[in-house]
Amino acid sequence: MNHVNLRNVVPFEFGGLMIRDPALASLTSASVALIDVPPGVSHPKAKSVESDKLYVCVSGALAFTVGGTRIALETSDLLVIPRGEWFGYENRGESTATVLLVHVPPFNLESEVFDT
């Protein structure tokens, strides 16, 4: 069993996103991260060839584009992005949005593809 307060995990910065990844070695079927998205920050168009992504909006709102469809993700919403699906998102609001991200199977940077 693991109990982690994600707010106590030291974040790292990725393109303006502040990501808290507890890197739970005992969790082999999935990975989790808490992501703060400040106003005006976006995640570039990307896809995973290995993991499904589950985004749960903890606070605020984000504007997602998934496979060409625009989706507003608001507090308590869940968005499932299947592996292989292109997506991106941005915070168009005036306050920081926070999402919980679950990767199934666990996140693997080598499996992430970015549209450059």
N, C-alpha and C. Protein backbone atom coordinates (compact mmCIF):
# COMPACT_ATOMS: atom_id res chain seq x y z
N MET A 1 0.85 -1.18 0.00
CA MET A 1 0.00 0.00 0.00
C MET A 1 0.89 1.23 0.00
N ASN A 2 0.47 2.24 -0.75
CA ASN A 2 1.17 3.53 -0.77
C ASN A 2 0.18 4.63 -0.44
N HIS A 3 0.61 5.57 0.37
CA HIS A 3 -0.18 6.78 0.63
C HIS A 3 0.73 7.96 0.36
N VAL A 4 0.34 8.78 -0.61
CA VAL A 4 1.16 9.91 -1.02
C VAL A 4 0.28 11.15 -1.12
N ASN A 5 0.69 12.23 -0.49
CA ASN A 5 0.05 13.51 -0.72
C ASN A 5 0.75 14.12 -1.92
N LEU A 6 0.07 14.14 -3.06
CA LEU A 6 0.70 14.60 -4.30
C LEU A 6 1.17 16.04 -4.22
N ARG A 7 0.55 16.85 -3.39
CA ARG A 7 0.98 18.25 -3.25
C ARG A 7 2.36 18.34 -2.58
N ASN A 8 2.78 17.27 -1.89
CA ASN A 8 4.09 17.27 -1.25
C ASN A 8 5.20 16.76 -2.16
N VAL A 9 4.85 16.26 -3.35
CA VAL A 9 5.85 15.79 -4.31
C VAL A 9 6.44 17.02 -5.01
N VAL A 10 7.75 17.09 -5.08
CA VAL A 10 8.41 18.23 -5.73
C VAL A 10 8.12 18.19 -7.23
N PRO A 11 7.56 19.27 -7.78
CA PRO A 11 7.22 19.27 -9.21
C PRO A 11 8.44 19.51 -10.10
N PHE A 12 8.31 19.05 -11.34
CA PHE A 12 9.28 19.43 -12.36
C PHE A 12 8.51 20.14 -13.46
N GLU A 13 9.20 20.99 -14.19
CA GLU A 13 8.58 21.82 -15.22
C GLU A 13 8.75 21.17 -16.59
N PHE A 14 7.67 21.17 -17.37
CA PHE A 14 7.69 20.68 -18.74
C PHE A 14 6.87 21.65 -19.59
N GLY A 15 7.54 22.51 -20.33
CA GLY A 15 6.84 23.45 -21.20
C GLY A 15 5.86 24.36 -20.48
N GLY A 16 6.17 24.70 -19.24
CA GLY A 16 5.29 25.56 -18.46
C GLY A 16 4.35 24.78 -17.55
N LEU A 17 4.16 23.49 -17.81
CA LEU A 17 3.36 22.64 -16.94
C LEU A 17 4.19 22.30 -15.70
N MET A 18 3.56 22.24 -14.56
CA MET A 18 4.22 21.83 -13.33
C MET A 18 3.69 20.44 -12.97
N ILE A 19 4.56 19.43 -13.07
CA ILE A 19 4.14 18.04 -12.96
C ILE A 19 4.68 17.43 -11.67
N ARG A 20 3.79 16.84 -10.90
CA ARG A 20 4.16 16.12 -9.68
C ARG A 20 3.95 14.62 -9.95
N ASP A 21 5.03 13.90 -10.09
CA ASP A 21 4.99 12.47 -10.39
C ASP A 21 5.63 11.72 -9.24
N PRO A 22 4.83 10.98 -8.46
CA PRO A 22 5.40 10.29 -7.30
C PRO A 22 6.25 9.07 -7.65
N ALA A 23 6.26 8.63 -8.91
CA ALA A 23 7.10 7.50 -9.36
C ALA A 23 6.99 6.33 -8.39
N LEU A 24 5.81 5.76 -8.29
CA LEU A 24 5.55 4.66 -7.36
C LEU A 24 6.05 3.34 -7.96
N ALA A 25 7.17 2.87 -7.46
CA ALA A 25 7.77 1.64 -7.99
C ALA A 25 6.87 0.43 -7.77
N SER A 26 6.04 0.46 -6.73
CA SER A 26 5.18 -0.68 -6.43
C SER A 26 3.94 -0.73 -7.33
N LEU A 27 3.67 0.34 -8.08
CA LEU A 27 2.52 0.38 -8.99
C LEU A 27 3.02 0.06 -10.38
N THR A 28 2.74 -1.15 -10.86
CA THR A 28 3.29 -1.58 -12.15
C THR A 28 2.27 -1.55 -13.28
N SER A 29 0.98 -1.36 -12.98
CA SER A 29 -0.05 -1.40 -14.01
C SER A 29 -0.45 -0.02 -14.52
N ALA A 30 -0.06 1.03 -13.80
CA ALA A 30 -0.43 2.40 -14.17
C ALA A 30 0.55 3.37 -13.52
N SER A 31 0.47 4.64 -13.93
CA SER A 31 1.22 5.70 -13.26
C SER A 31 0.29 6.90 -13.11
N VAL A 32 0.59 7.73 -12.12
CA VAL A 32 -0.23 8.91 -11.86
C VAL A 32 0.65 10.14 -11.75
N ALA A 33 0.07 11.28 -12.09
CA ALA A 33 0.75 12.56 -11.94
C ALA A 33 -0.30 13.64 -11.71
N LEU A 34 0.07 14.62 -10.92
CA LEU A 34 -0.77 15.79 -10.70
C LEU A 34 -0.13 16.93 -11.48
N ILE A 35 -0.91 17.58 -12.34
CA ILE A 35 -0.36 18.59 -13.25
C ILE A 35 -1.07 19.93 -13.03
N ASP A 36 -0.27 20.95 -12.73
CA ASP A 36 -0.79 22.32 -12.67
C ASP A 36 -0.52 22.99 -14.01
N VAL A 37 -1.56 23.60 -14.56
CA VAL A 37 -1.47 24.25 -15.87
C VAL A 37 -1.79 25.74 -15.68
N PRO A 38 -0.77 26.59 -15.61
CA PRO A 38 -1.01 28.03 -15.42
C PRO A 38 -1.76 28.63 -16.62
N PRO A 39 -2.37 29.79 -16.42
CA PRO A 39 -3.06 30.47 -17.52
C PRO A 39 -2.12 30.69 -18.71
N GLY A 40 -2.62 30.42 -19.91
CA GLY A 40 -1.86 30.64 -21.13
C GLY A 40 -0.92 29.51 -21.50
N VAL A 41 -0.78 28.50 -20.65
CA VAL A 41 0.13 27.38 -20.92
C VAL A 41 -0.62 26.29 -21.68
N SER A 42 0.08 25.64 -22.59
CA SER A 42 -0.53 24.56 -23.37
C SER A 42 0.38 23.34 -23.42
N HIS A 43 -0.23 22.20 -23.67
CA HIS A 43 0.49 20.95 -23.91
C HIS A 43 0.51 20.78 -25.42
N PRO A 44 1.68 20.57 -26.03
CA PRO A 44 1.74 20.44 -27.49
C PRO A 44 1.01 19.20 -27.98
N LYS A 45 0.64 19.23 -29.25
CA LYS A 45 -0.02 18.08 -29.87
C LYS A 45 0.88 16.86 -29.73
N ALA A 46 0.29 15.76 -29.21
CA ALA A 46 1.08 14.56 -28.93
C ALA A 46 0.16 13.35 -28.92
N LYS A 47 0.79 12.18 -28.86
CA LYS A 47 0.06 10.94 -28.66
C LYS A 47 1.00 9.94 -28.00
N SER A 48 0.40 8.95 -27.35
CA SER A 48 1.18 7.85 -26.79
C SER A 48 0.89 6.61 -27.63
N VAL A 49 1.93 5.90 -27.98
CA VAL A 49 1.73 4.65 -28.73
C VAL A 49 1.61 3.46 -27.77
N GLU A 50 1.69 3.73 -26.47
CA GLU A 50 1.68 2.65 -25.49
C GLU A 50 0.59 2.77 -24.44
N SER A 51 0.27 3.99 -24.00
CA SER A 51 -0.62 4.17 -22.84
C SER A 51 -1.93 4.86 -23.20
N ASP A 52 -3.00 4.41 -22.54
CA ASP A 52 -4.23 5.18 -22.50
C ASP A 52 -4.01 6.26 -21.44
N LYS A 53 -4.64 7.43 -21.64
CA LYS A 53 -4.49 8.54 -20.70
C LYS A 53 -5.87 8.89 -20.14
N LEU A 54 -5.94 8.99 -18.83
CA LEU A 54 -7.17 9.38 -18.16
C LEU A 54 -6.89 10.69 -17.44
N TYR A 55 -7.56 11.75 -17.84
CA TYR A 55 -7.42 13.07 -17.22
C TYR A 55 -8.65 13.34 -16.37
N VAL A 56 -8.43 13.66 -15.10
CA VAL A 56 -9.50 14.08 -14.20
C VAL A 56 -9.22 15.53 -13.81
N CYS A 57 -10.15 16.42 -14.10
CA CYS A 57 -9.97 17.83 -13.77
C CYS A 57 -10.27 18.03 -12.29
N VAL A 58 -9.26 18.43 -11.55
CA VAL A 58 -9.37 18.66 -10.11
C VAL A 58 -9.89 20.07 -9.84
N SER A 59 -9.40 21.04 -10.62
CA SER A 59 -9.86 22.42 -10.46
C SER A 59 -9.60 23.18 -11.75
N GLY A 60 -10.40 24.22 -11.97
CA GLY A 60 -10.23 25.04 -13.17
C GLY A 60 -10.84 24.38 -14.39
N ALA A 61 -10.32 24.76 -15.55
CA ALA A 61 -10.84 24.24 -16.82
C ALA A 61 -9.73 24.25 -17.86
N LEU A 62 -9.78 23.28 -18.76
CA LEU A 62 -8.83 23.20 -19.86
C LEU A 62 -9.58 22.97 -21.16
N ALA A 63 -9.03 23.50 -22.24
CA ALA A 63 -9.59 23.30 -23.57
C ALA A 63 -8.74 22.23 -24.27
N PHE A 64 -9.31 21.05 -24.46
CA PHE A 64 -8.63 19.93 -25.13
C PHE A 64 -9.04 19.88 -26.59
N THR A 65 -8.13 19.37 -27.41
CA THR A 65 -8.45 18.95 -28.76
C THR A 65 -7.99 17.50 -28.85
N VAL A 66 -8.92 16.61 -29.13
CA VAL A 66 -8.62 15.18 -29.21
C VAL A 66 -9.11 14.67 -30.56
N GLY A 67 -8.16 14.23 -31.39
CA GLY A 67 -8.53 13.73 -32.70
C GLY A 67 -9.34 14.72 -33.52
N GLY A 68 -9.07 16.01 -33.36
CA GLY A 68 -9.78 17.04 -34.11
C GLY A 68 -11.05 17.55 -33.45
N THR A 69 -11.47 16.93 -32.34
CA THR A 69 -12.67 17.35 -31.62
C THR A 69 -12.29 18.21 -30.42
N ARG A 70 -12.96 19.34 -30.25
CA ARG A 70 -12.69 20.22 -29.11
C ARG A 70 -13.56 19.82 -27.93
N ILE A 71 -12.92 19.77 -26.76
CA ILE A 71 -13.61 19.34 -25.54
C ILE A 71 -13.22 20.27 -24.41
N ALA A 72 -14.21 20.78 -23.69
CA ALA A 72 -13.96 21.60 -22.50
C ALA A 72 -13.95 20.66 -21.30
N LEU A 73 -12.82 20.60 -20.60
CA LEU A 73 -12.69 19.76 -19.41
C LEU A 73 -12.78 20.67 -18.19
N GLU A 74 -13.79 20.43 -17.36
CA GLU A 74 -14.03 21.27 -16.19
C GLU A 74 -13.97 20.43 -14.92
N THR A 75 -13.97 21.10 -13.79
CA THR A 75 -13.84 20.43 -12.50
C THR A 75 -14.76 19.21 -12.40
N SER A 76 -14.18 18.09 -11.99
CA SER A 76 -14.82 16.78 -11.81
C SER A 76 -15.07 16.03 -13.11
N ASP A 77 -14.67 16.57 -14.25
CA ASP A 77 -14.81 15.85 -15.52
C ASP A 77 -13.68 14.85 -15.69
N LEU A 78 -13.99 13.76 -16.36
CA LEU A 78 -13.02 12.74 -16.73
C LEU A 78 -12.94 12.68 -18.25
N LEU A 79 -11.74 12.67 -18.78
CA LEU A 79 -11.52 12.52 -20.22
C LEU A 79 -10.57 11.35 -20.43
N VAL A 80 -10.99 10.38 -21.24
CA VAL A 80 -10.16 9.23 -21.56
C VAL A 80 -9.66 9.39 -22.99
N ILE A 81 -8.34 9.35 -23.15
CA ILE A 81 -7.71 9.46 -24.46
C ILE A 81 -7.03 8.13 -24.75
N PRO A 82 -7.56 7.37 -25.70
CA PRO A 82 -6.97 6.06 -26.00
C PRO A 82 -5.58 6.20 -26.62
N ARG A 83 -4.75 5.20 -26.40
CA ARG A 83 -3.42 5.20 -27.01
C ARG A 83 -3.57 5.37 -28.52
N GLY A 84 -2.63 6.09 -29.09
CA GLY A 84 -2.63 6.34 -30.53
C GLY A 84 -3.44 7.54 -30.97
N GLU A 85 -4.18 8.18 -30.07
CA GLU A 85 -5.03 9.33 -30.40
C GLU A 85 -4.26 10.63 -30.18
N TRP A 86 -4.24 11.49 -31.19
CA TRP A 86 -3.59 12.80 -31.06
C TRP A 86 -4.42 13.68 -30.14
N PHE A 87 -3.73 14.46 -29.29
CA PHE A 87 -4.40 15.37 -28.38
C PHE A 87 -3.49 16.55 -28.06
N GLY A 88 -4.08 17.58 -27.54
CA GLY A 88 -3.37 18.73 -27.01
C GLY A 88 -4.33 19.46 -26.10
N TYR A 89 -3.83 20.36 -25.26
CA TYR A 89 -4.73 21.14 -24.42
C TYR A 89 -4.07 22.45 -24.03
N GLU A 90 -4.92 23.37 -23.59
CA GLU A 90 -4.43 24.67 -23.12
C GLU A 90 -5.36 25.24 -22.06
N ASN A 91 -4.78 26.08 -21.23
CA ASN A 91 -5.54 26.79 -20.21
C ASN A 91 -5.83 28.18 -20.73
N ARG A 92 -7.07 28.40 -21.10
CA ARG A 92 -7.50 29.71 -21.61
C ARG A 92 -8.08 30.59 -20.51
N GLY A 93 -8.10 30.07 -19.29
CA GLY A 93 -8.69 30.80 -18.16
C GLY A 93 -7.72 31.78 -17.51
N GLU A 94 -8.17 32.34 -16.41
CA GLU A 94 -7.38 33.34 -15.69
C GLU A 94 -6.73 32.78 -14.43
N SER A 95 -6.98 31.50 -14.13
CA SER A 95 -6.37 30.88 -12.96
C SER A 95 -5.80 29.52 -13.34
N THR A 96 -4.90 29.02 -12.52
CA THR A 96 -4.27 27.73 -12.77
C THR A 96 -5.29 26.61 -12.71
N ALA A 97 -5.23 25.72 -13.68
CA ALA A 97 -6.06 24.51 -13.68
C ALA A 97 -5.19 23.35 -13.20
N THR A 98 -5.81 22.38 -12.54
CA THR A 98 -5.09 21.20 -12.06
C THR A 98 -5.81 19.95 -12.53
N VAL A 99 -5.04 19.03 -13.10
CA VAL A 99 -5.59 17.75 -13.54
C VAL A 99 -4.78 16.61 -12.93
N LEU A 100 -5.46 15.51 -12.67
CA LEU A 100 -4.82 14.26 -12.29
C LEU A 100 -4.74 13.42 -13.56
N LEU A 101 -3.55 12.96 -13.90
CA LEU A 101 -3.34 12.16 -15.10
C LEU A 101 -2.94 10.75 -14.70
N VAL A 102 -3.66 9.77 -15.25
CA VAL A 102 -3.34 8.36 -15.04
C VAL A 102 -2.97 7.77 -16.39
N HIS A 103 -1.82 7.12 -16.47
CA HIS A 103 -1.39 6.40 -17.67
C HIS A 103 -1.56 4.90 -17.41
N VAL A 104 -2.17 4.20 -18.38
CA VAL A 104 -2.34 2.76 -18.28
C VAL A 104 -1.90 2.14 -19.61
N PRO A 105 -0.82 1.35 -19.65
CA PRO A 105 0.16 1.07 -18.60
C PRO A 105 0.97 2.33 -18.26
N PRO A 106 1.93 2.23 -17.35
CA PRO A 106 2.65 3.40 -16.86
C PRO A 106 3.32 4.24 -17.95
N PHE A 107 3.49 5.52 -17.63
CA PHE A 107 4.13 6.48 -18.53
C PHE A 107 5.52 5.99 -18.94
N ASN A 108 5.80 6.15 -20.22
CA ASN A 108 7.11 5.82 -20.79
C ASN A 108 7.42 6.89 -21.81
N LEU A 109 8.36 7.77 -21.52
CA LEU A 109 8.68 8.89 -22.40
C LEU A 109 8.99 8.44 -23.83
N GLU A 110 9.61 7.28 -23.97
CA GLU A 110 9.95 6.78 -25.30
C GLU A 110 8.73 6.42 -26.13
N SER A 111 7.56 6.28 -25.49
CA SER A 111 6.33 5.94 -26.19
C SER A 111 5.50 7.17 -26.54
N GLU A 112 5.99 8.35 -26.17
CA GLU A 112 5.29 9.59 -26.46
C GLU A 112 5.80 10.17 -27.79
N VAL A 113 4.86 10.58 -28.64
CA VAL A 113 5.19 11.16 -29.94
C VAL A 113 4.65 12.59 -29.95
N PHE A 114 5.51 13.55 -30.30
CA PHE A 114 5.10 14.95 -30.35
C PHE A 114 5.09 15.41 -31.81
N ASP A 115 4.05 16.14 -32.17
CA ASP A 115 3.90 16.69 -33.52
C ASP A 115 4.75 17.95 -33.62
N THR A 116 5.83 17.86 -34.37
CA THR A 116 6.72 19.03 -34.45
C THR A 116 6.63 19.73 -35.78
